[in-house]
């Protein structure tokens, strides 16, 4: 879920008039890494787990915050894309989209081999490769947002947001199960994704073929990027001021009220990315950004936590991909560690050993150890990002 900012991964450290935008971007990357790497998925504090279906937890804010940040970054590169010749525009958009989407596919396929039951390594089958994912959604949402802004008009961005969110609502009602169009099987996107992508290529975290980053629910995610662009474009034209903070909070209140009213007929739900969920999470992102502008850009009160976030934001794509790739590679480095209750060999990997031997015993509540394991992962990837930053290595896509 990140996140990475493929559209604006700079060749050198970014410099904007709003430090708050950099901090929001980097902090979101850190949170994405943390929530994706707990010690055990069965040992989580409730705020660190996704809502089972309807509802919203703090963890459910991370991915939409990142898409909002993607839109912020798009505001700074869109003028160049807007002025570029049409062929050059298409070349840049298609190249970035294919590269980010392709990285997501490679991450899903990694490490390309798996352990069989008989203890031998075998090639993973492409017949069950998941097609969609976090990076794929970022790629498609960024591409569609860029196309809308180029051909639909940057001044009409809020009309496009309204059209996407209202159109998605209409599709849920018109093509979904009338009895419950927002249930897993009743939502129209479940059948659409199974038809277009194939059940074998969908995520199975819900126990059935269903992808929370599927094609249908990517449309409202485009609206999230456009709202991020709307905010970023406003900030790009202004200097930090109390008027900017007031505007951010005022818009956040209006979007929040809209989410509250809309959720009465369209529940807040991350897994199908409902329109009310888009409004709620954008409102919270804008409120947080307002606080950061007030604290960092006006009062100039930064500290180590600011530099911590900035380091993550300077190589977001590379660090995020590494945080997904390394655990997959870790699964190949295993050894036998006794037998289980059925007399079968029990295996441990380096990260599994660290969890069971170091972090799980730290506290009587295994959830605390799981959280500390996630924090240790964030620290390790921050060290990687810091090393790259110290050597002024910025990996651009």
Protein backbone atom coordinates (compact mmCIF):
# COMPACT_ATOMS: atom_id res chain seq x y z
CA UNK A 1 0.00 0.00 0.00
CA UNK A 2 2.06 2.78 -1.09
CA UNK A 3 3.14 3.92 -1.87
CA UNK A 4 6.18 5.60 -3.39
CA UNK A 5 5.51 8.68 -5.45
CA UNK A 6 6.23 7.39 -8.93
CA UNK A 7 5.16 10.59 -10.61
CA UNK A 8 7.55 12.81 -8.75
CA UNK A 9 10.46 10.76 -7.49
CA UNK A 10 13.05 13.52 -7.92
CA UNK A 11 16.52 13.36 -9.35
CA UNK A 12 17.62 15.38 -6.36
CA UNK A 13 16.17 16.06 -2.95
CA UNK A 14 12.82 17.80 -3.35
CA UNK A 15 12.49 21.44 -2.45
CA UNK A 16 9.09 23.07 -2.01
CA UNK A 17 7.90 26.08 -0.09
CA UNK A 18 5.80 23.79 2.08
CA UNK A 19 7.91 21.52 4.28
CA UNK A 20 4.63 20.00 5.44
CA UNK A 21 4.10 18.29 2.06
CA UNK A 22 7.47 16.53 2.32
CA UNK A 23 6.75 15.43 5.88
CA UNK A 24 3.29 14.12 4.98
CA UNK A 25 4.74 12.11 2.09
CA UNK A 26 7.63 10.61 4.05
CA UNK A 27 5.57 9.93 7.17
CA UNK A 28 3.00 8.06 5.10
CA UNK A 29 5.70 5.86 3.57
CA UNK A 30 6.97 5.02 7.07
CA UNK A 31 3.46 4.08 8.19
CA UNK A 32 2.91 1.94 5.10
CA UNK A 33 6.06 -0.02 5.90
CA UNK A 34 5.07 -0.38 9.55
CA UNK A 35 1.53 -1.66 9.01
CA UNK A 36 2.72 -4.09 6.32
CA UNK A 37 5.42 -5.71 8.49
CA UNK A 38 4.09 -6.74 11.90
CA UNK A 39 5.63 -9.59 13.83
CA UNK A 40 2.43 -11.60 13.45
CA UNK A 41 -0.77 -10.77 11.58
CA UNK A 42 -2.70 -12.56 14.34
CA UNK A 43 -1.19 -10.33 17.04
CA UNK A 44 -2.29 -6.78 16.30
CA UNK A 45 -3.73 -3.98 18.39
CA UNK A 46 -7.16 -3.12 16.93
CA UNK A 47 -6.06 0.30 15.56
CA UNK A 48 -3.26 -1.45 13.64
CA UNK A 49 -5.61 -3.84 11.85
CA UNK A 50 -7.86 -3.04 8.92
CA UNK A 51 -11.60 -2.88 9.49
CA UNK A 52 -13.10 -6.30 8.75
CA UNK A 53 -15.53 -4.76 6.26
CA UNK A 54 -17.44 -1.53 6.90
CA UNK A 55 -15.77 1.06 9.11
CA UNK A 56 -12.39 2.74 9.30
CA UNK A 57 -9.38 2.23 11.57
CA UNK A 58 -6.19 4.31 11.69
CA UNK A 59 -4.53 1.68 9.49
CA UNK A 60 -7.22 2.25 6.86
CA UNK A 61 -6.00 5.84 6.51
CA UNK A 62 -2.49 5.02 5.33
CA UNK A 63 -3.09 4.08 1.69
CA UNK A 64 -5.56 6.90 0.92
CA UNK A 65 -3.19 9.37 2.58
CA UNK A 66 -0.52 8.15 0.21
CA UNK A 67 -2.75 8.57 -2.84
CA UNK A 68 -3.54 12.07 -1.57
CA UNK A 69 0.23 12.72 -1.43
CA UNK A 70 0.58 11.33 -4.96
CA UNK A 71 -1.92 13.98 -6.04
CA UNK A 72 0.04 16.67 -4.18
CA UNK A 73 3.17 15.70 -6.12
CA UNK A 74 1.25 15.64 -9.40
CA UNK A 75 0.41 19.32 -8.89
CA UNK A 76 4.10 20.18 -9.16
CA UNK A 77 4.81 18.12 -12.31
CA UNK A 78 1.51 18.65 -14.13
CA UNK A 79 2.45 22.09 -15.54
CA UNK A 80 5.34 20.47 -17.38
CA UNK A 81 3.16 17.60 -18.58
CA UNK A 82 0.48 20.08 -19.65
CA UNK A 83 2.90 22.09 -21.78
CA UNK A 84 4.71 19.12 -23.28
CA UNK A 85 3.92 18.12 -26.89
CA UNK A 86 1.24 15.46 -27.04
CA UNK A 87 3.61 12.68 -28.09
CA UNK A 88 6.01 13.53 -25.25
CA UNK A 89 3.13 13.67 -22.77
CA UNK A 90 1.91 10.21 -23.78
CA UNK A 91 5.44 8.85 -23.67
CA UNK A 92 6.04 10.04 -20.12
CA UNK A 93 2.65 8.94 -18.82
CA UNK A 94 2.75 5.48 -20.43
CA UNK A 95 6.37 4.87 -19.38
CA UNK A 96 5.76 5.75 -15.73
CA UNK A 97 2.52 3.81 -15.60
CA UNK A 98 4.02 0.67 -17.10
CA UNK A 99 7.10 0.85 -14.89
CA UNK A 100 5.17 1.23 -11.65
CA UNK A 101 2.57 -1.36 -12.66
CA UNK A 102 5.34 -3.71 -13.74
CA UNK A 103 7.15 -3.29 -10.42
CA UNK A 104 3.93 -4.26 -8.68
CA UNK A 105 3.61 -7.38 -10.80
CA UNK A 106 7.24 -8.33 -10.16
CA UNK A 107 6.70 -7.83 -6.44
CA UNK A 108 3.65 -10.12 -6.56
CA UNK A 109 5.66 -12.75 -8.44
CA UNK A 110 8.77 -12.50 -6.24
CA UNK A 111 10.74 -14.47 -5.31
CA UNK A 112 9.62 -16.53 -8.37
CA UNK A 113 10.21 -19.85 -6.60
CA UNK A 114 8.59 -21.53 -3.60
CA UNK A 115 9.16 -24.45 -1.28
CA UNK A 116 7.15 -27.57 -2.15
CA UNK A 117 5.76 -29.89 0.49
CA UNK A 118 8.62 -32.31 -0.15
CA UNK A 119 11.19 -29.63 0.71
CA UNK A 120 12.34 -28.82 -2.81
CA UNK A 121 12.27 -25.48 -4.60
CA UNK A 122 9.89 -25.15 -7.55
CA UNK A 123 9.00 -22.31 -9.90
CA UNK A 124 5.88 -20.38 -8.94
CA UNK A 125 3.07 -20.68 -11.45
CA UNK A 126 1.98 -17.59 -13.34
CA UNK A 127 -1.50 -19.09 -13.56
CA UNK A 128 -2.22 -17.85 -10.04
CA UNK A 129 -0.23 -14.60 -10.12
CA UNK A 130 -2.14 -11.74 -8.56
CA UNK A 131 -2.43 -8.96 -11.14
CA UNK A 132 -3.47 -6.01 -9.00
CA UNK A 133 -1.90 -4.58 -5.86
CA UNK A 134 -0.85 -1.34 -4.16
CA UNK A 135 1.68 -0.27 -6.77
CA UNK A 136 -0.67 -1.21 -9.60
CA UNK A 137 -3.41 0.96 -8.10
CA UNK A 138 -1.01 3.87 -7.72
CA UNK A 139 0.07 3.49 -11.36
CA UNK A 140 -3.47 3.40 -12.74
CA UNK A 141 -4.83 6.14 -10.47
CA UNK A 142 -1.93 8.45 -11.33
CA UNK A 143 -2.27 7.76 -15.05
CA UNK A 144 -6.03 8.39 -15.14
CA UNK A 145 -5.65 11.54 -13.04
CA UNK A 146 -2.97 12.87 -15.39
CA UNK A 147 -5.16 12.14 -18.43
CA UNK A 148 -8.15 13.87 -16.85
CA UNK A 149 -6.09 16.94 -16.00
CA UNK A 150 -4.55 17.14 -19.48
CA UNK A 151 -7.69 16.55 -21.53
CA UNK A 152 -10.49 17.34 -19.09
CA UNK A 153 -9.20 20.64 -17.82
CA UNK A 154 -7.35 21.42 -14.60
CA UNK A 155 -9.90 24.06 -13.66
CA UNK A 156 -12.69 21.50 -13.67
CA UNK A 157 -10.97 19.07 -11.30
CA UNK A 158 -13.74 19.17 -8.68
CA UNK A 159 -16.35 18.41 -11.35
CA UNK A 160 -14.38 15.33 -12.29
CA UNK A 161 -14.12 14.32 -8.62
CA UNK A 162 -17.89 14.64 -8.25
CA UNK A 163 -18.49 12.69 -11.47
CA UNK A 164 -16.22 9.85 -10.38
CA UNK A 165 -17.65 9.56 -6.87
CA UNK A 166 -21.29 9.92 -7.91
CA UNK A 167 -20.78 7.63 -10.90
CA UNK A 168 -19.20 4.98 -8.69
CA UNK A 169 -22.13 5.25 -6.28
CA UNK A 170 -24.56 4.85 -9.17
CA UNK A 171 -22.64 1.81 -10.45
CA UNK A 172 -22.77 0.18 -7.02
CA UNK A 173 -26.54 0.65 -6.89
CA UNK A 174 -27.23 -0.08 -10.54
CA UNK A 175 -25.03 -3.16 -11.04
CA UNK A 176 -24.77 -4.53 -7.50
CA UNK A 177 -27.07 -6.81 -5.59
CA UNK A 178 -30.11 -4.74 -4.69
CA UNK A 179 -30.41 -6.49 -1.33
CA UNK A 180 -26.91 -5.40 -0.25
CA UNK A 181 -24.80 -3.71 -2.96
CA UNK A 182 -21.96 -3.09 -0.49
CA UNK A 183 -21.41 -6.67 0.65
CA UNK A 184 -18.49 -8.73 -0.61
CA UNK A 185 -20.57 -10.77 -3.05
CA UNK A 186 -23.20 -8.10 -3.64
CA UNK A 187 -20.74 -5.40 -4.71
CA UNK A 188 -20.58 -5.21 -8.50
CA UNK A 189 -16.77 -4.97 -8.56
CA UNK A 190 -16.37 -8.52 -7.25
CA UNK A 191 -18.02 -10.01 -10.32
CA UNK A 192 -16.34 -7.49 -12.63
CA UNK A 193 -12.84 -8.24 -11.37
CA UNK A 194 -13.46 -12.00 -11.55
CA UNK A 195 -14.64 -11.61 -15.15
CA UNK A 196 -11.88 -9.28 -16.34
CA UNK A 197 -8.92 -10.57 -14.35
CA UNK A 198 -9.96 -14.13 -13.59
CA UNK A 199 -10.57 -15.62 -10.11
CA UNK A 200 -7.09 -17.18 -10.04
CA UNK A 201 -5.46 -13.76 -10.36
CA UNK A 202 -7.28 -12.13 -7.45
CA UNK A 203 -6.33 -11.72 -3.80
CA UNK A 204 -7.81 -14.32 -1.44
CA UNK A 205 -7.43 -12.62 1.92
CA UNK A 206 -11.20 -12.70 2.40
CA UNK A 207 -11.31 -16.45 1.75
CA UNK A 208 -12.75 -16.04 -1.75
CA UNK A 209 -11.45 -14.44 -4.97
CA UNK A 210 -11.77 -10.73 -4.20
CA UNK A 211 -9.24 -7.96 -4.72
CA UNK A 212 -9.28 -4.87 -2.47
CA UNK A 213 -7.11 -3.14 -5.10
CA UNK A 214 -9.21 -4.33 -8.02
CA UNK A 215 -10.16 -2.46 -11.17
CA UNK A 216 -13.64 -1.27 -10.19
CA UNK A 217 -12.58 0.31 -6.90
CA UNK A 218 -9.66 2.06 -8.61
CA UNK A 219 -12.08 4.64 -10.08
CA UNK A 220 -12.85 6.35 -6.75
CA UNK A 221 -9.12 6.14 -5.96
CA UNK A 222 -8.57 8.37 -9.00
CA UNK A 223 -10.82 10.93 -7.30
CA UNK A 224 -8.55 10.73 -4.23
CA UNK A 225 -5.52 11.59 -6.38
CA UNK A 226 -7.42 14.46 -8.00
CA UNK A 227 -8.34 15.85 -4.58
CA UNK A 228 -4.68 15.66 -3.62
CA UNK A 229 -3.85 17.53 -6.82
CA UNK A 230 -6.49 20.17 -6.01
CA UNK A 231 -4.85 20.82 -2.64
CA UNK A 232 -1.29 20.65 -3.98
CA UNK A 233 -2.09 23.03 -6.84
CA UNK A 234 -3.52 25.54 -4.36
CA UNK A 235 -0.43 25.32 -2.16
CA UNK A 236 1.92 25.56 -5.14
CA UNK A 237 0.48 29.00 -5.94
CA UNK A 238 0.75 30.37 -2.39
CA UNK A 239 3.19 30.88 0.43
CA UNK A 240 2.54 29.45 3.91
CA UNK A 241 0.01 31.60 5.73
CA UNK A 242 -2.80 31.41 8.26
CA UNK A 243 -5.23 31.78 5.36
CA UNK A 244 -3.90 28.53 3.87
CA UNK A 245 -4.35 26.76 7.20
CA UNK A 246 -7.91 28.11 7.51
CA UNK A 247 -8.70 26.97 3.95
CA UNK A 248 -7.37 23.46 4.64
CA UNK A 249 -9.40 23.10 7.82
CA UNK A 250 -12.51 24.61 6.24
CA UNK A 251 -12.36 22.25 3.27
CA UNK A 252 -11.67 19.33 5.61
CA UNK A 253 -14.80 20.13 7.62
CA UNK A 254 -16.94 20.31 4.48
CA UNK A 255 -15.61 17.01 3.14
CA UNK A 256 -16.00 15.42 6.56
CA UNK A 257 -19.63 16.51 6.75
CA UNK A 258 -20.16 15.15 3.26
CA UNK A 259 -18.70 11.80 4.31
CA UNK A 260 -20.92 11.73 7.42
CA UNK A 261 -24.07 12.33 5.40
CA UNK A 262 -23.10 9.99 2.55
CA UNK A 263 -22.14 7.09 4.80
CA UNK A 264 -25.79 6.82 5.79
CA UNK A 265 -26.51 5.38 2.33
CA UNK A 266 -23.03 4.30 1.21
CA UNK A 267 -21.02 2.87 4.11
CA UNK A 268 -17.41 3.84 4.71
CA UNK A 269 -15.42 0.89 3.42
CA UNK A 270 -11.76 0.68 2.40
CA UNK A 271 -11.92 -2.71 0.72
CA UNK A 272 -14.36 -1.48 -1.92
CA UNK A 273 -13.10 2.14 -1.63
CA UNK A 274 -16.52 3.73 -1.28
CA UNK A 275 -17.13 7.38 -2.13
CA UNK A 276 -17.85 8.21 1.51
CA UNK A 277 -14.49 6.64 2.41
CA UNK A 278 -12.76 8.91 -0.12
CA UNK A 279 -14.34 12.01 1.41
CA UNK A 280 -13.56 10.97 4.99
CA UNK A 281 -9.93 10.07 4.38
CA UNK A 282 -9.30 13.16 2.27
CA UNK A 283 -10.82 15.32 4.99
CA UNK A 284 -8.51 13.78 7.58
CA UNK A 285 -5.49 14.15 5.28
CA UNK A 286 -6.30 17.83 4.75
CA UNK A 287 -6.75 18.39 8.49
CA UNK A 288 -3.40 16.74 9.18
CA UNK A 289 -1.77 18.80 6.46
CA UNK A 290 -3.24 21.94 8.01
CA UNK A 291 -1.69 21.03 11.36
CA UNK A 292 1.67 20.41 9.69
CA UNK A 293 1.55 23.73 7.83
CA UNK A 294 0.78 25.53 11.09
CA UNK A 295 3.49 23.72 13.03
CA UNK A 296 6.27 23.47 10.43
CA UNK A 297 5.79 26.17 7.83
CA UNK A 298 4.49 28.97 10.06
CA UNK A 299 5.92 28.30 13.49
CA UNK A 300 9.10 26.68 12.13
CA UNK A 301 9.05 24.03 14.84
CA UNK A 302 10.78 21.07 13.30
CA UNK A 303 12.92 18.41 14.91
CA UNK A 304 14.37 14.95 14.45
CA UNK A 305 10.97 13.52 13.52
CA UNK A 306 10.79 15.93 10.57
CA UNK A 307 14.17 14.82 9.23
CA UNK A 308 13.10 11.21 9.81
CA UNK A 309 10.09 11.72 7.52
CA UNK A 310 12.06 13.66 4.92
CA UNK A 311 14.55 10.82 4.49
CA UNK A 312 11.73 8.39 3.70
CA UNK A 313 10.23 10.82 1.21
CA UNK A 314 13.38 11.10 -0.90
CA UNK A 315 13.44 7.49 -2.11
CA UNK A 316 9.87 6.41 -1.44
CA UNK A 317 9.42 3.99 -4.34
CA UNK A 318 12.67 2.12 -3.85
CA UNK A 319 12.29 1.83 -0.06
CA UNK A 320 8.68 0.67 -0.34
CA UNK A 321 9.57 -1.99 -2.92
CA UNK A 322 12.43 -3.22 -0.72
CA UNK A 323 10.07 -3.47 2.26
CA UNK A 324 7.92 -5.84 0.22
CA UNK A 325 10.71 -7.75 -1.52
CA UNK A 326 12.96 -8.55 1.45
CA UNK A 327 10.28 -10.47 3.45
CA UNK A 328 9.55 -12.53 0.31
CA UNK A 329 13.22 -13.39 -0.12
CA UNK A 330 13.42 -14.15 3.58
CA UNK A 331 10.89 -16.93 3.06
CA UNK A 332 13.43 -18.84 0.95
CA UNK A 333 16.10 -18.82 3.69
CA UNK A 334 14.71 -21.40 6.05
CA UNK A 335 15.93 -24.22 8.27
CA UNK A 336 14.30 -27.03 10.21
CA UNK A 337 13.40 -26.20 13.80
CA UNK A 338 11.88 -29.33 15.30
CA UNK A 339 8.50 -30.80 14.40
CA UNK A 340 4.93 -29.61 14.75
CA UNK A 341 2.05 -31.35 16.51
CA UNK A 342 1.52 -33.66 13.54
CA UNK A 343 5.14 -34.76 13.42
CA UNK A 344 5.93 -32.71 10.33
CA UNK A 345 9.08 -30.57 10.08
CA UNK A 346 8.69 -27.04 11.40
CA UNK A 347 10.70 -24.38 9.59
CA UNK A 348 12.06 -21.01 10.59
CA UNK A 349 13.29 -18.10 8.48
CA UNK A 350 15.59 -15.30 9.69
CA UNK A 351 12.67 -12.91 10.21
CA UNK A 352 10.57 -15.68 11.74
CA UNK A 353 13.40 -16.43 14.14
CA UNK A 354 13.70 -12.76 15.09
CA UNK A 355 9.98 -12.62 15.83
CA UNK A 356 9.79 -15.85 17.84
CA UNK A 357 13.10 -15.59 19.68
CA UNK A 358 13.56 -11.84 20.16
CA UNK A 359 10.36 -9.83 19.88
CA UNK A 360 7.51 -12.15 20.92
CA UNK A 361 9.11 -12.86 24.36
CA UNK A 362 9.60 -9.14 25.09
CA UNK A 363 6.19 -8.74 26.74
CA UNK A 364 3.39 -10.85 28.12
CA UNK A 365 1.14 -9.33 25.44
CA UNK A 366 2.35 -10.63 22.07
CA UNK A 367 0.72 -7.64 20.38
CA UNK A 368 3.39 -5.38 21.89
CA UNK A 369 6.15 -7.60 20.54
CA UNK A 370 4.46 -7.57 17.12
CA UNK A 371 4.35 -3.77 17.20
CA UNK A 372 8.02 -3.55 18.21
CA UNK A 373 8.90 -5.89 15.35
CA UNK A 374 7.14 -3.50 12.95
CA UNK A 375 8.97 -0.53 14.48
CA UNK A 376 12.28 -2.35 14.02
CA UNK A 377 11.43 -2.89 10.36
CA UNK A 378 10.67 0.81 9.91
CA UNK A 379 14.00 1.67 11.55
CA UNK A 380 15.89 -0.74 9.28
CA UNK A 381 14.36 0.68 6.11
CA UNK A 382 14.91 4.21 7.38
CA UNK A 383 18.60 3.34 7.75
CA UNK A 384 18.61 2.23 4.11
CA UNK A 385 16.88 5.45 3.03
CA UNK A 386 19.32 7.51 5.15
CA UNK A 387 22.32 5.76 3.56
CA UNK A 388 21.00 6.56 0.09
CA UNK A 389 20.30 10.16 1.06
CA UNK A 390 23.77 10.63 2.55
CA UNK A 391 25.26 9.55 -0.77
CA UNK A 392 22.76 11.63 -2.71
CA UNK A 393 21.40 8.59 -4.48
CA UNK A 394 17.81 9.26 -5.55
CA UNK A 395 16.23 6.47 -7.58
CA UNK A 396 13.84 7.92 -10.09
CA UNK A 397 11.04 6.22 -12.01
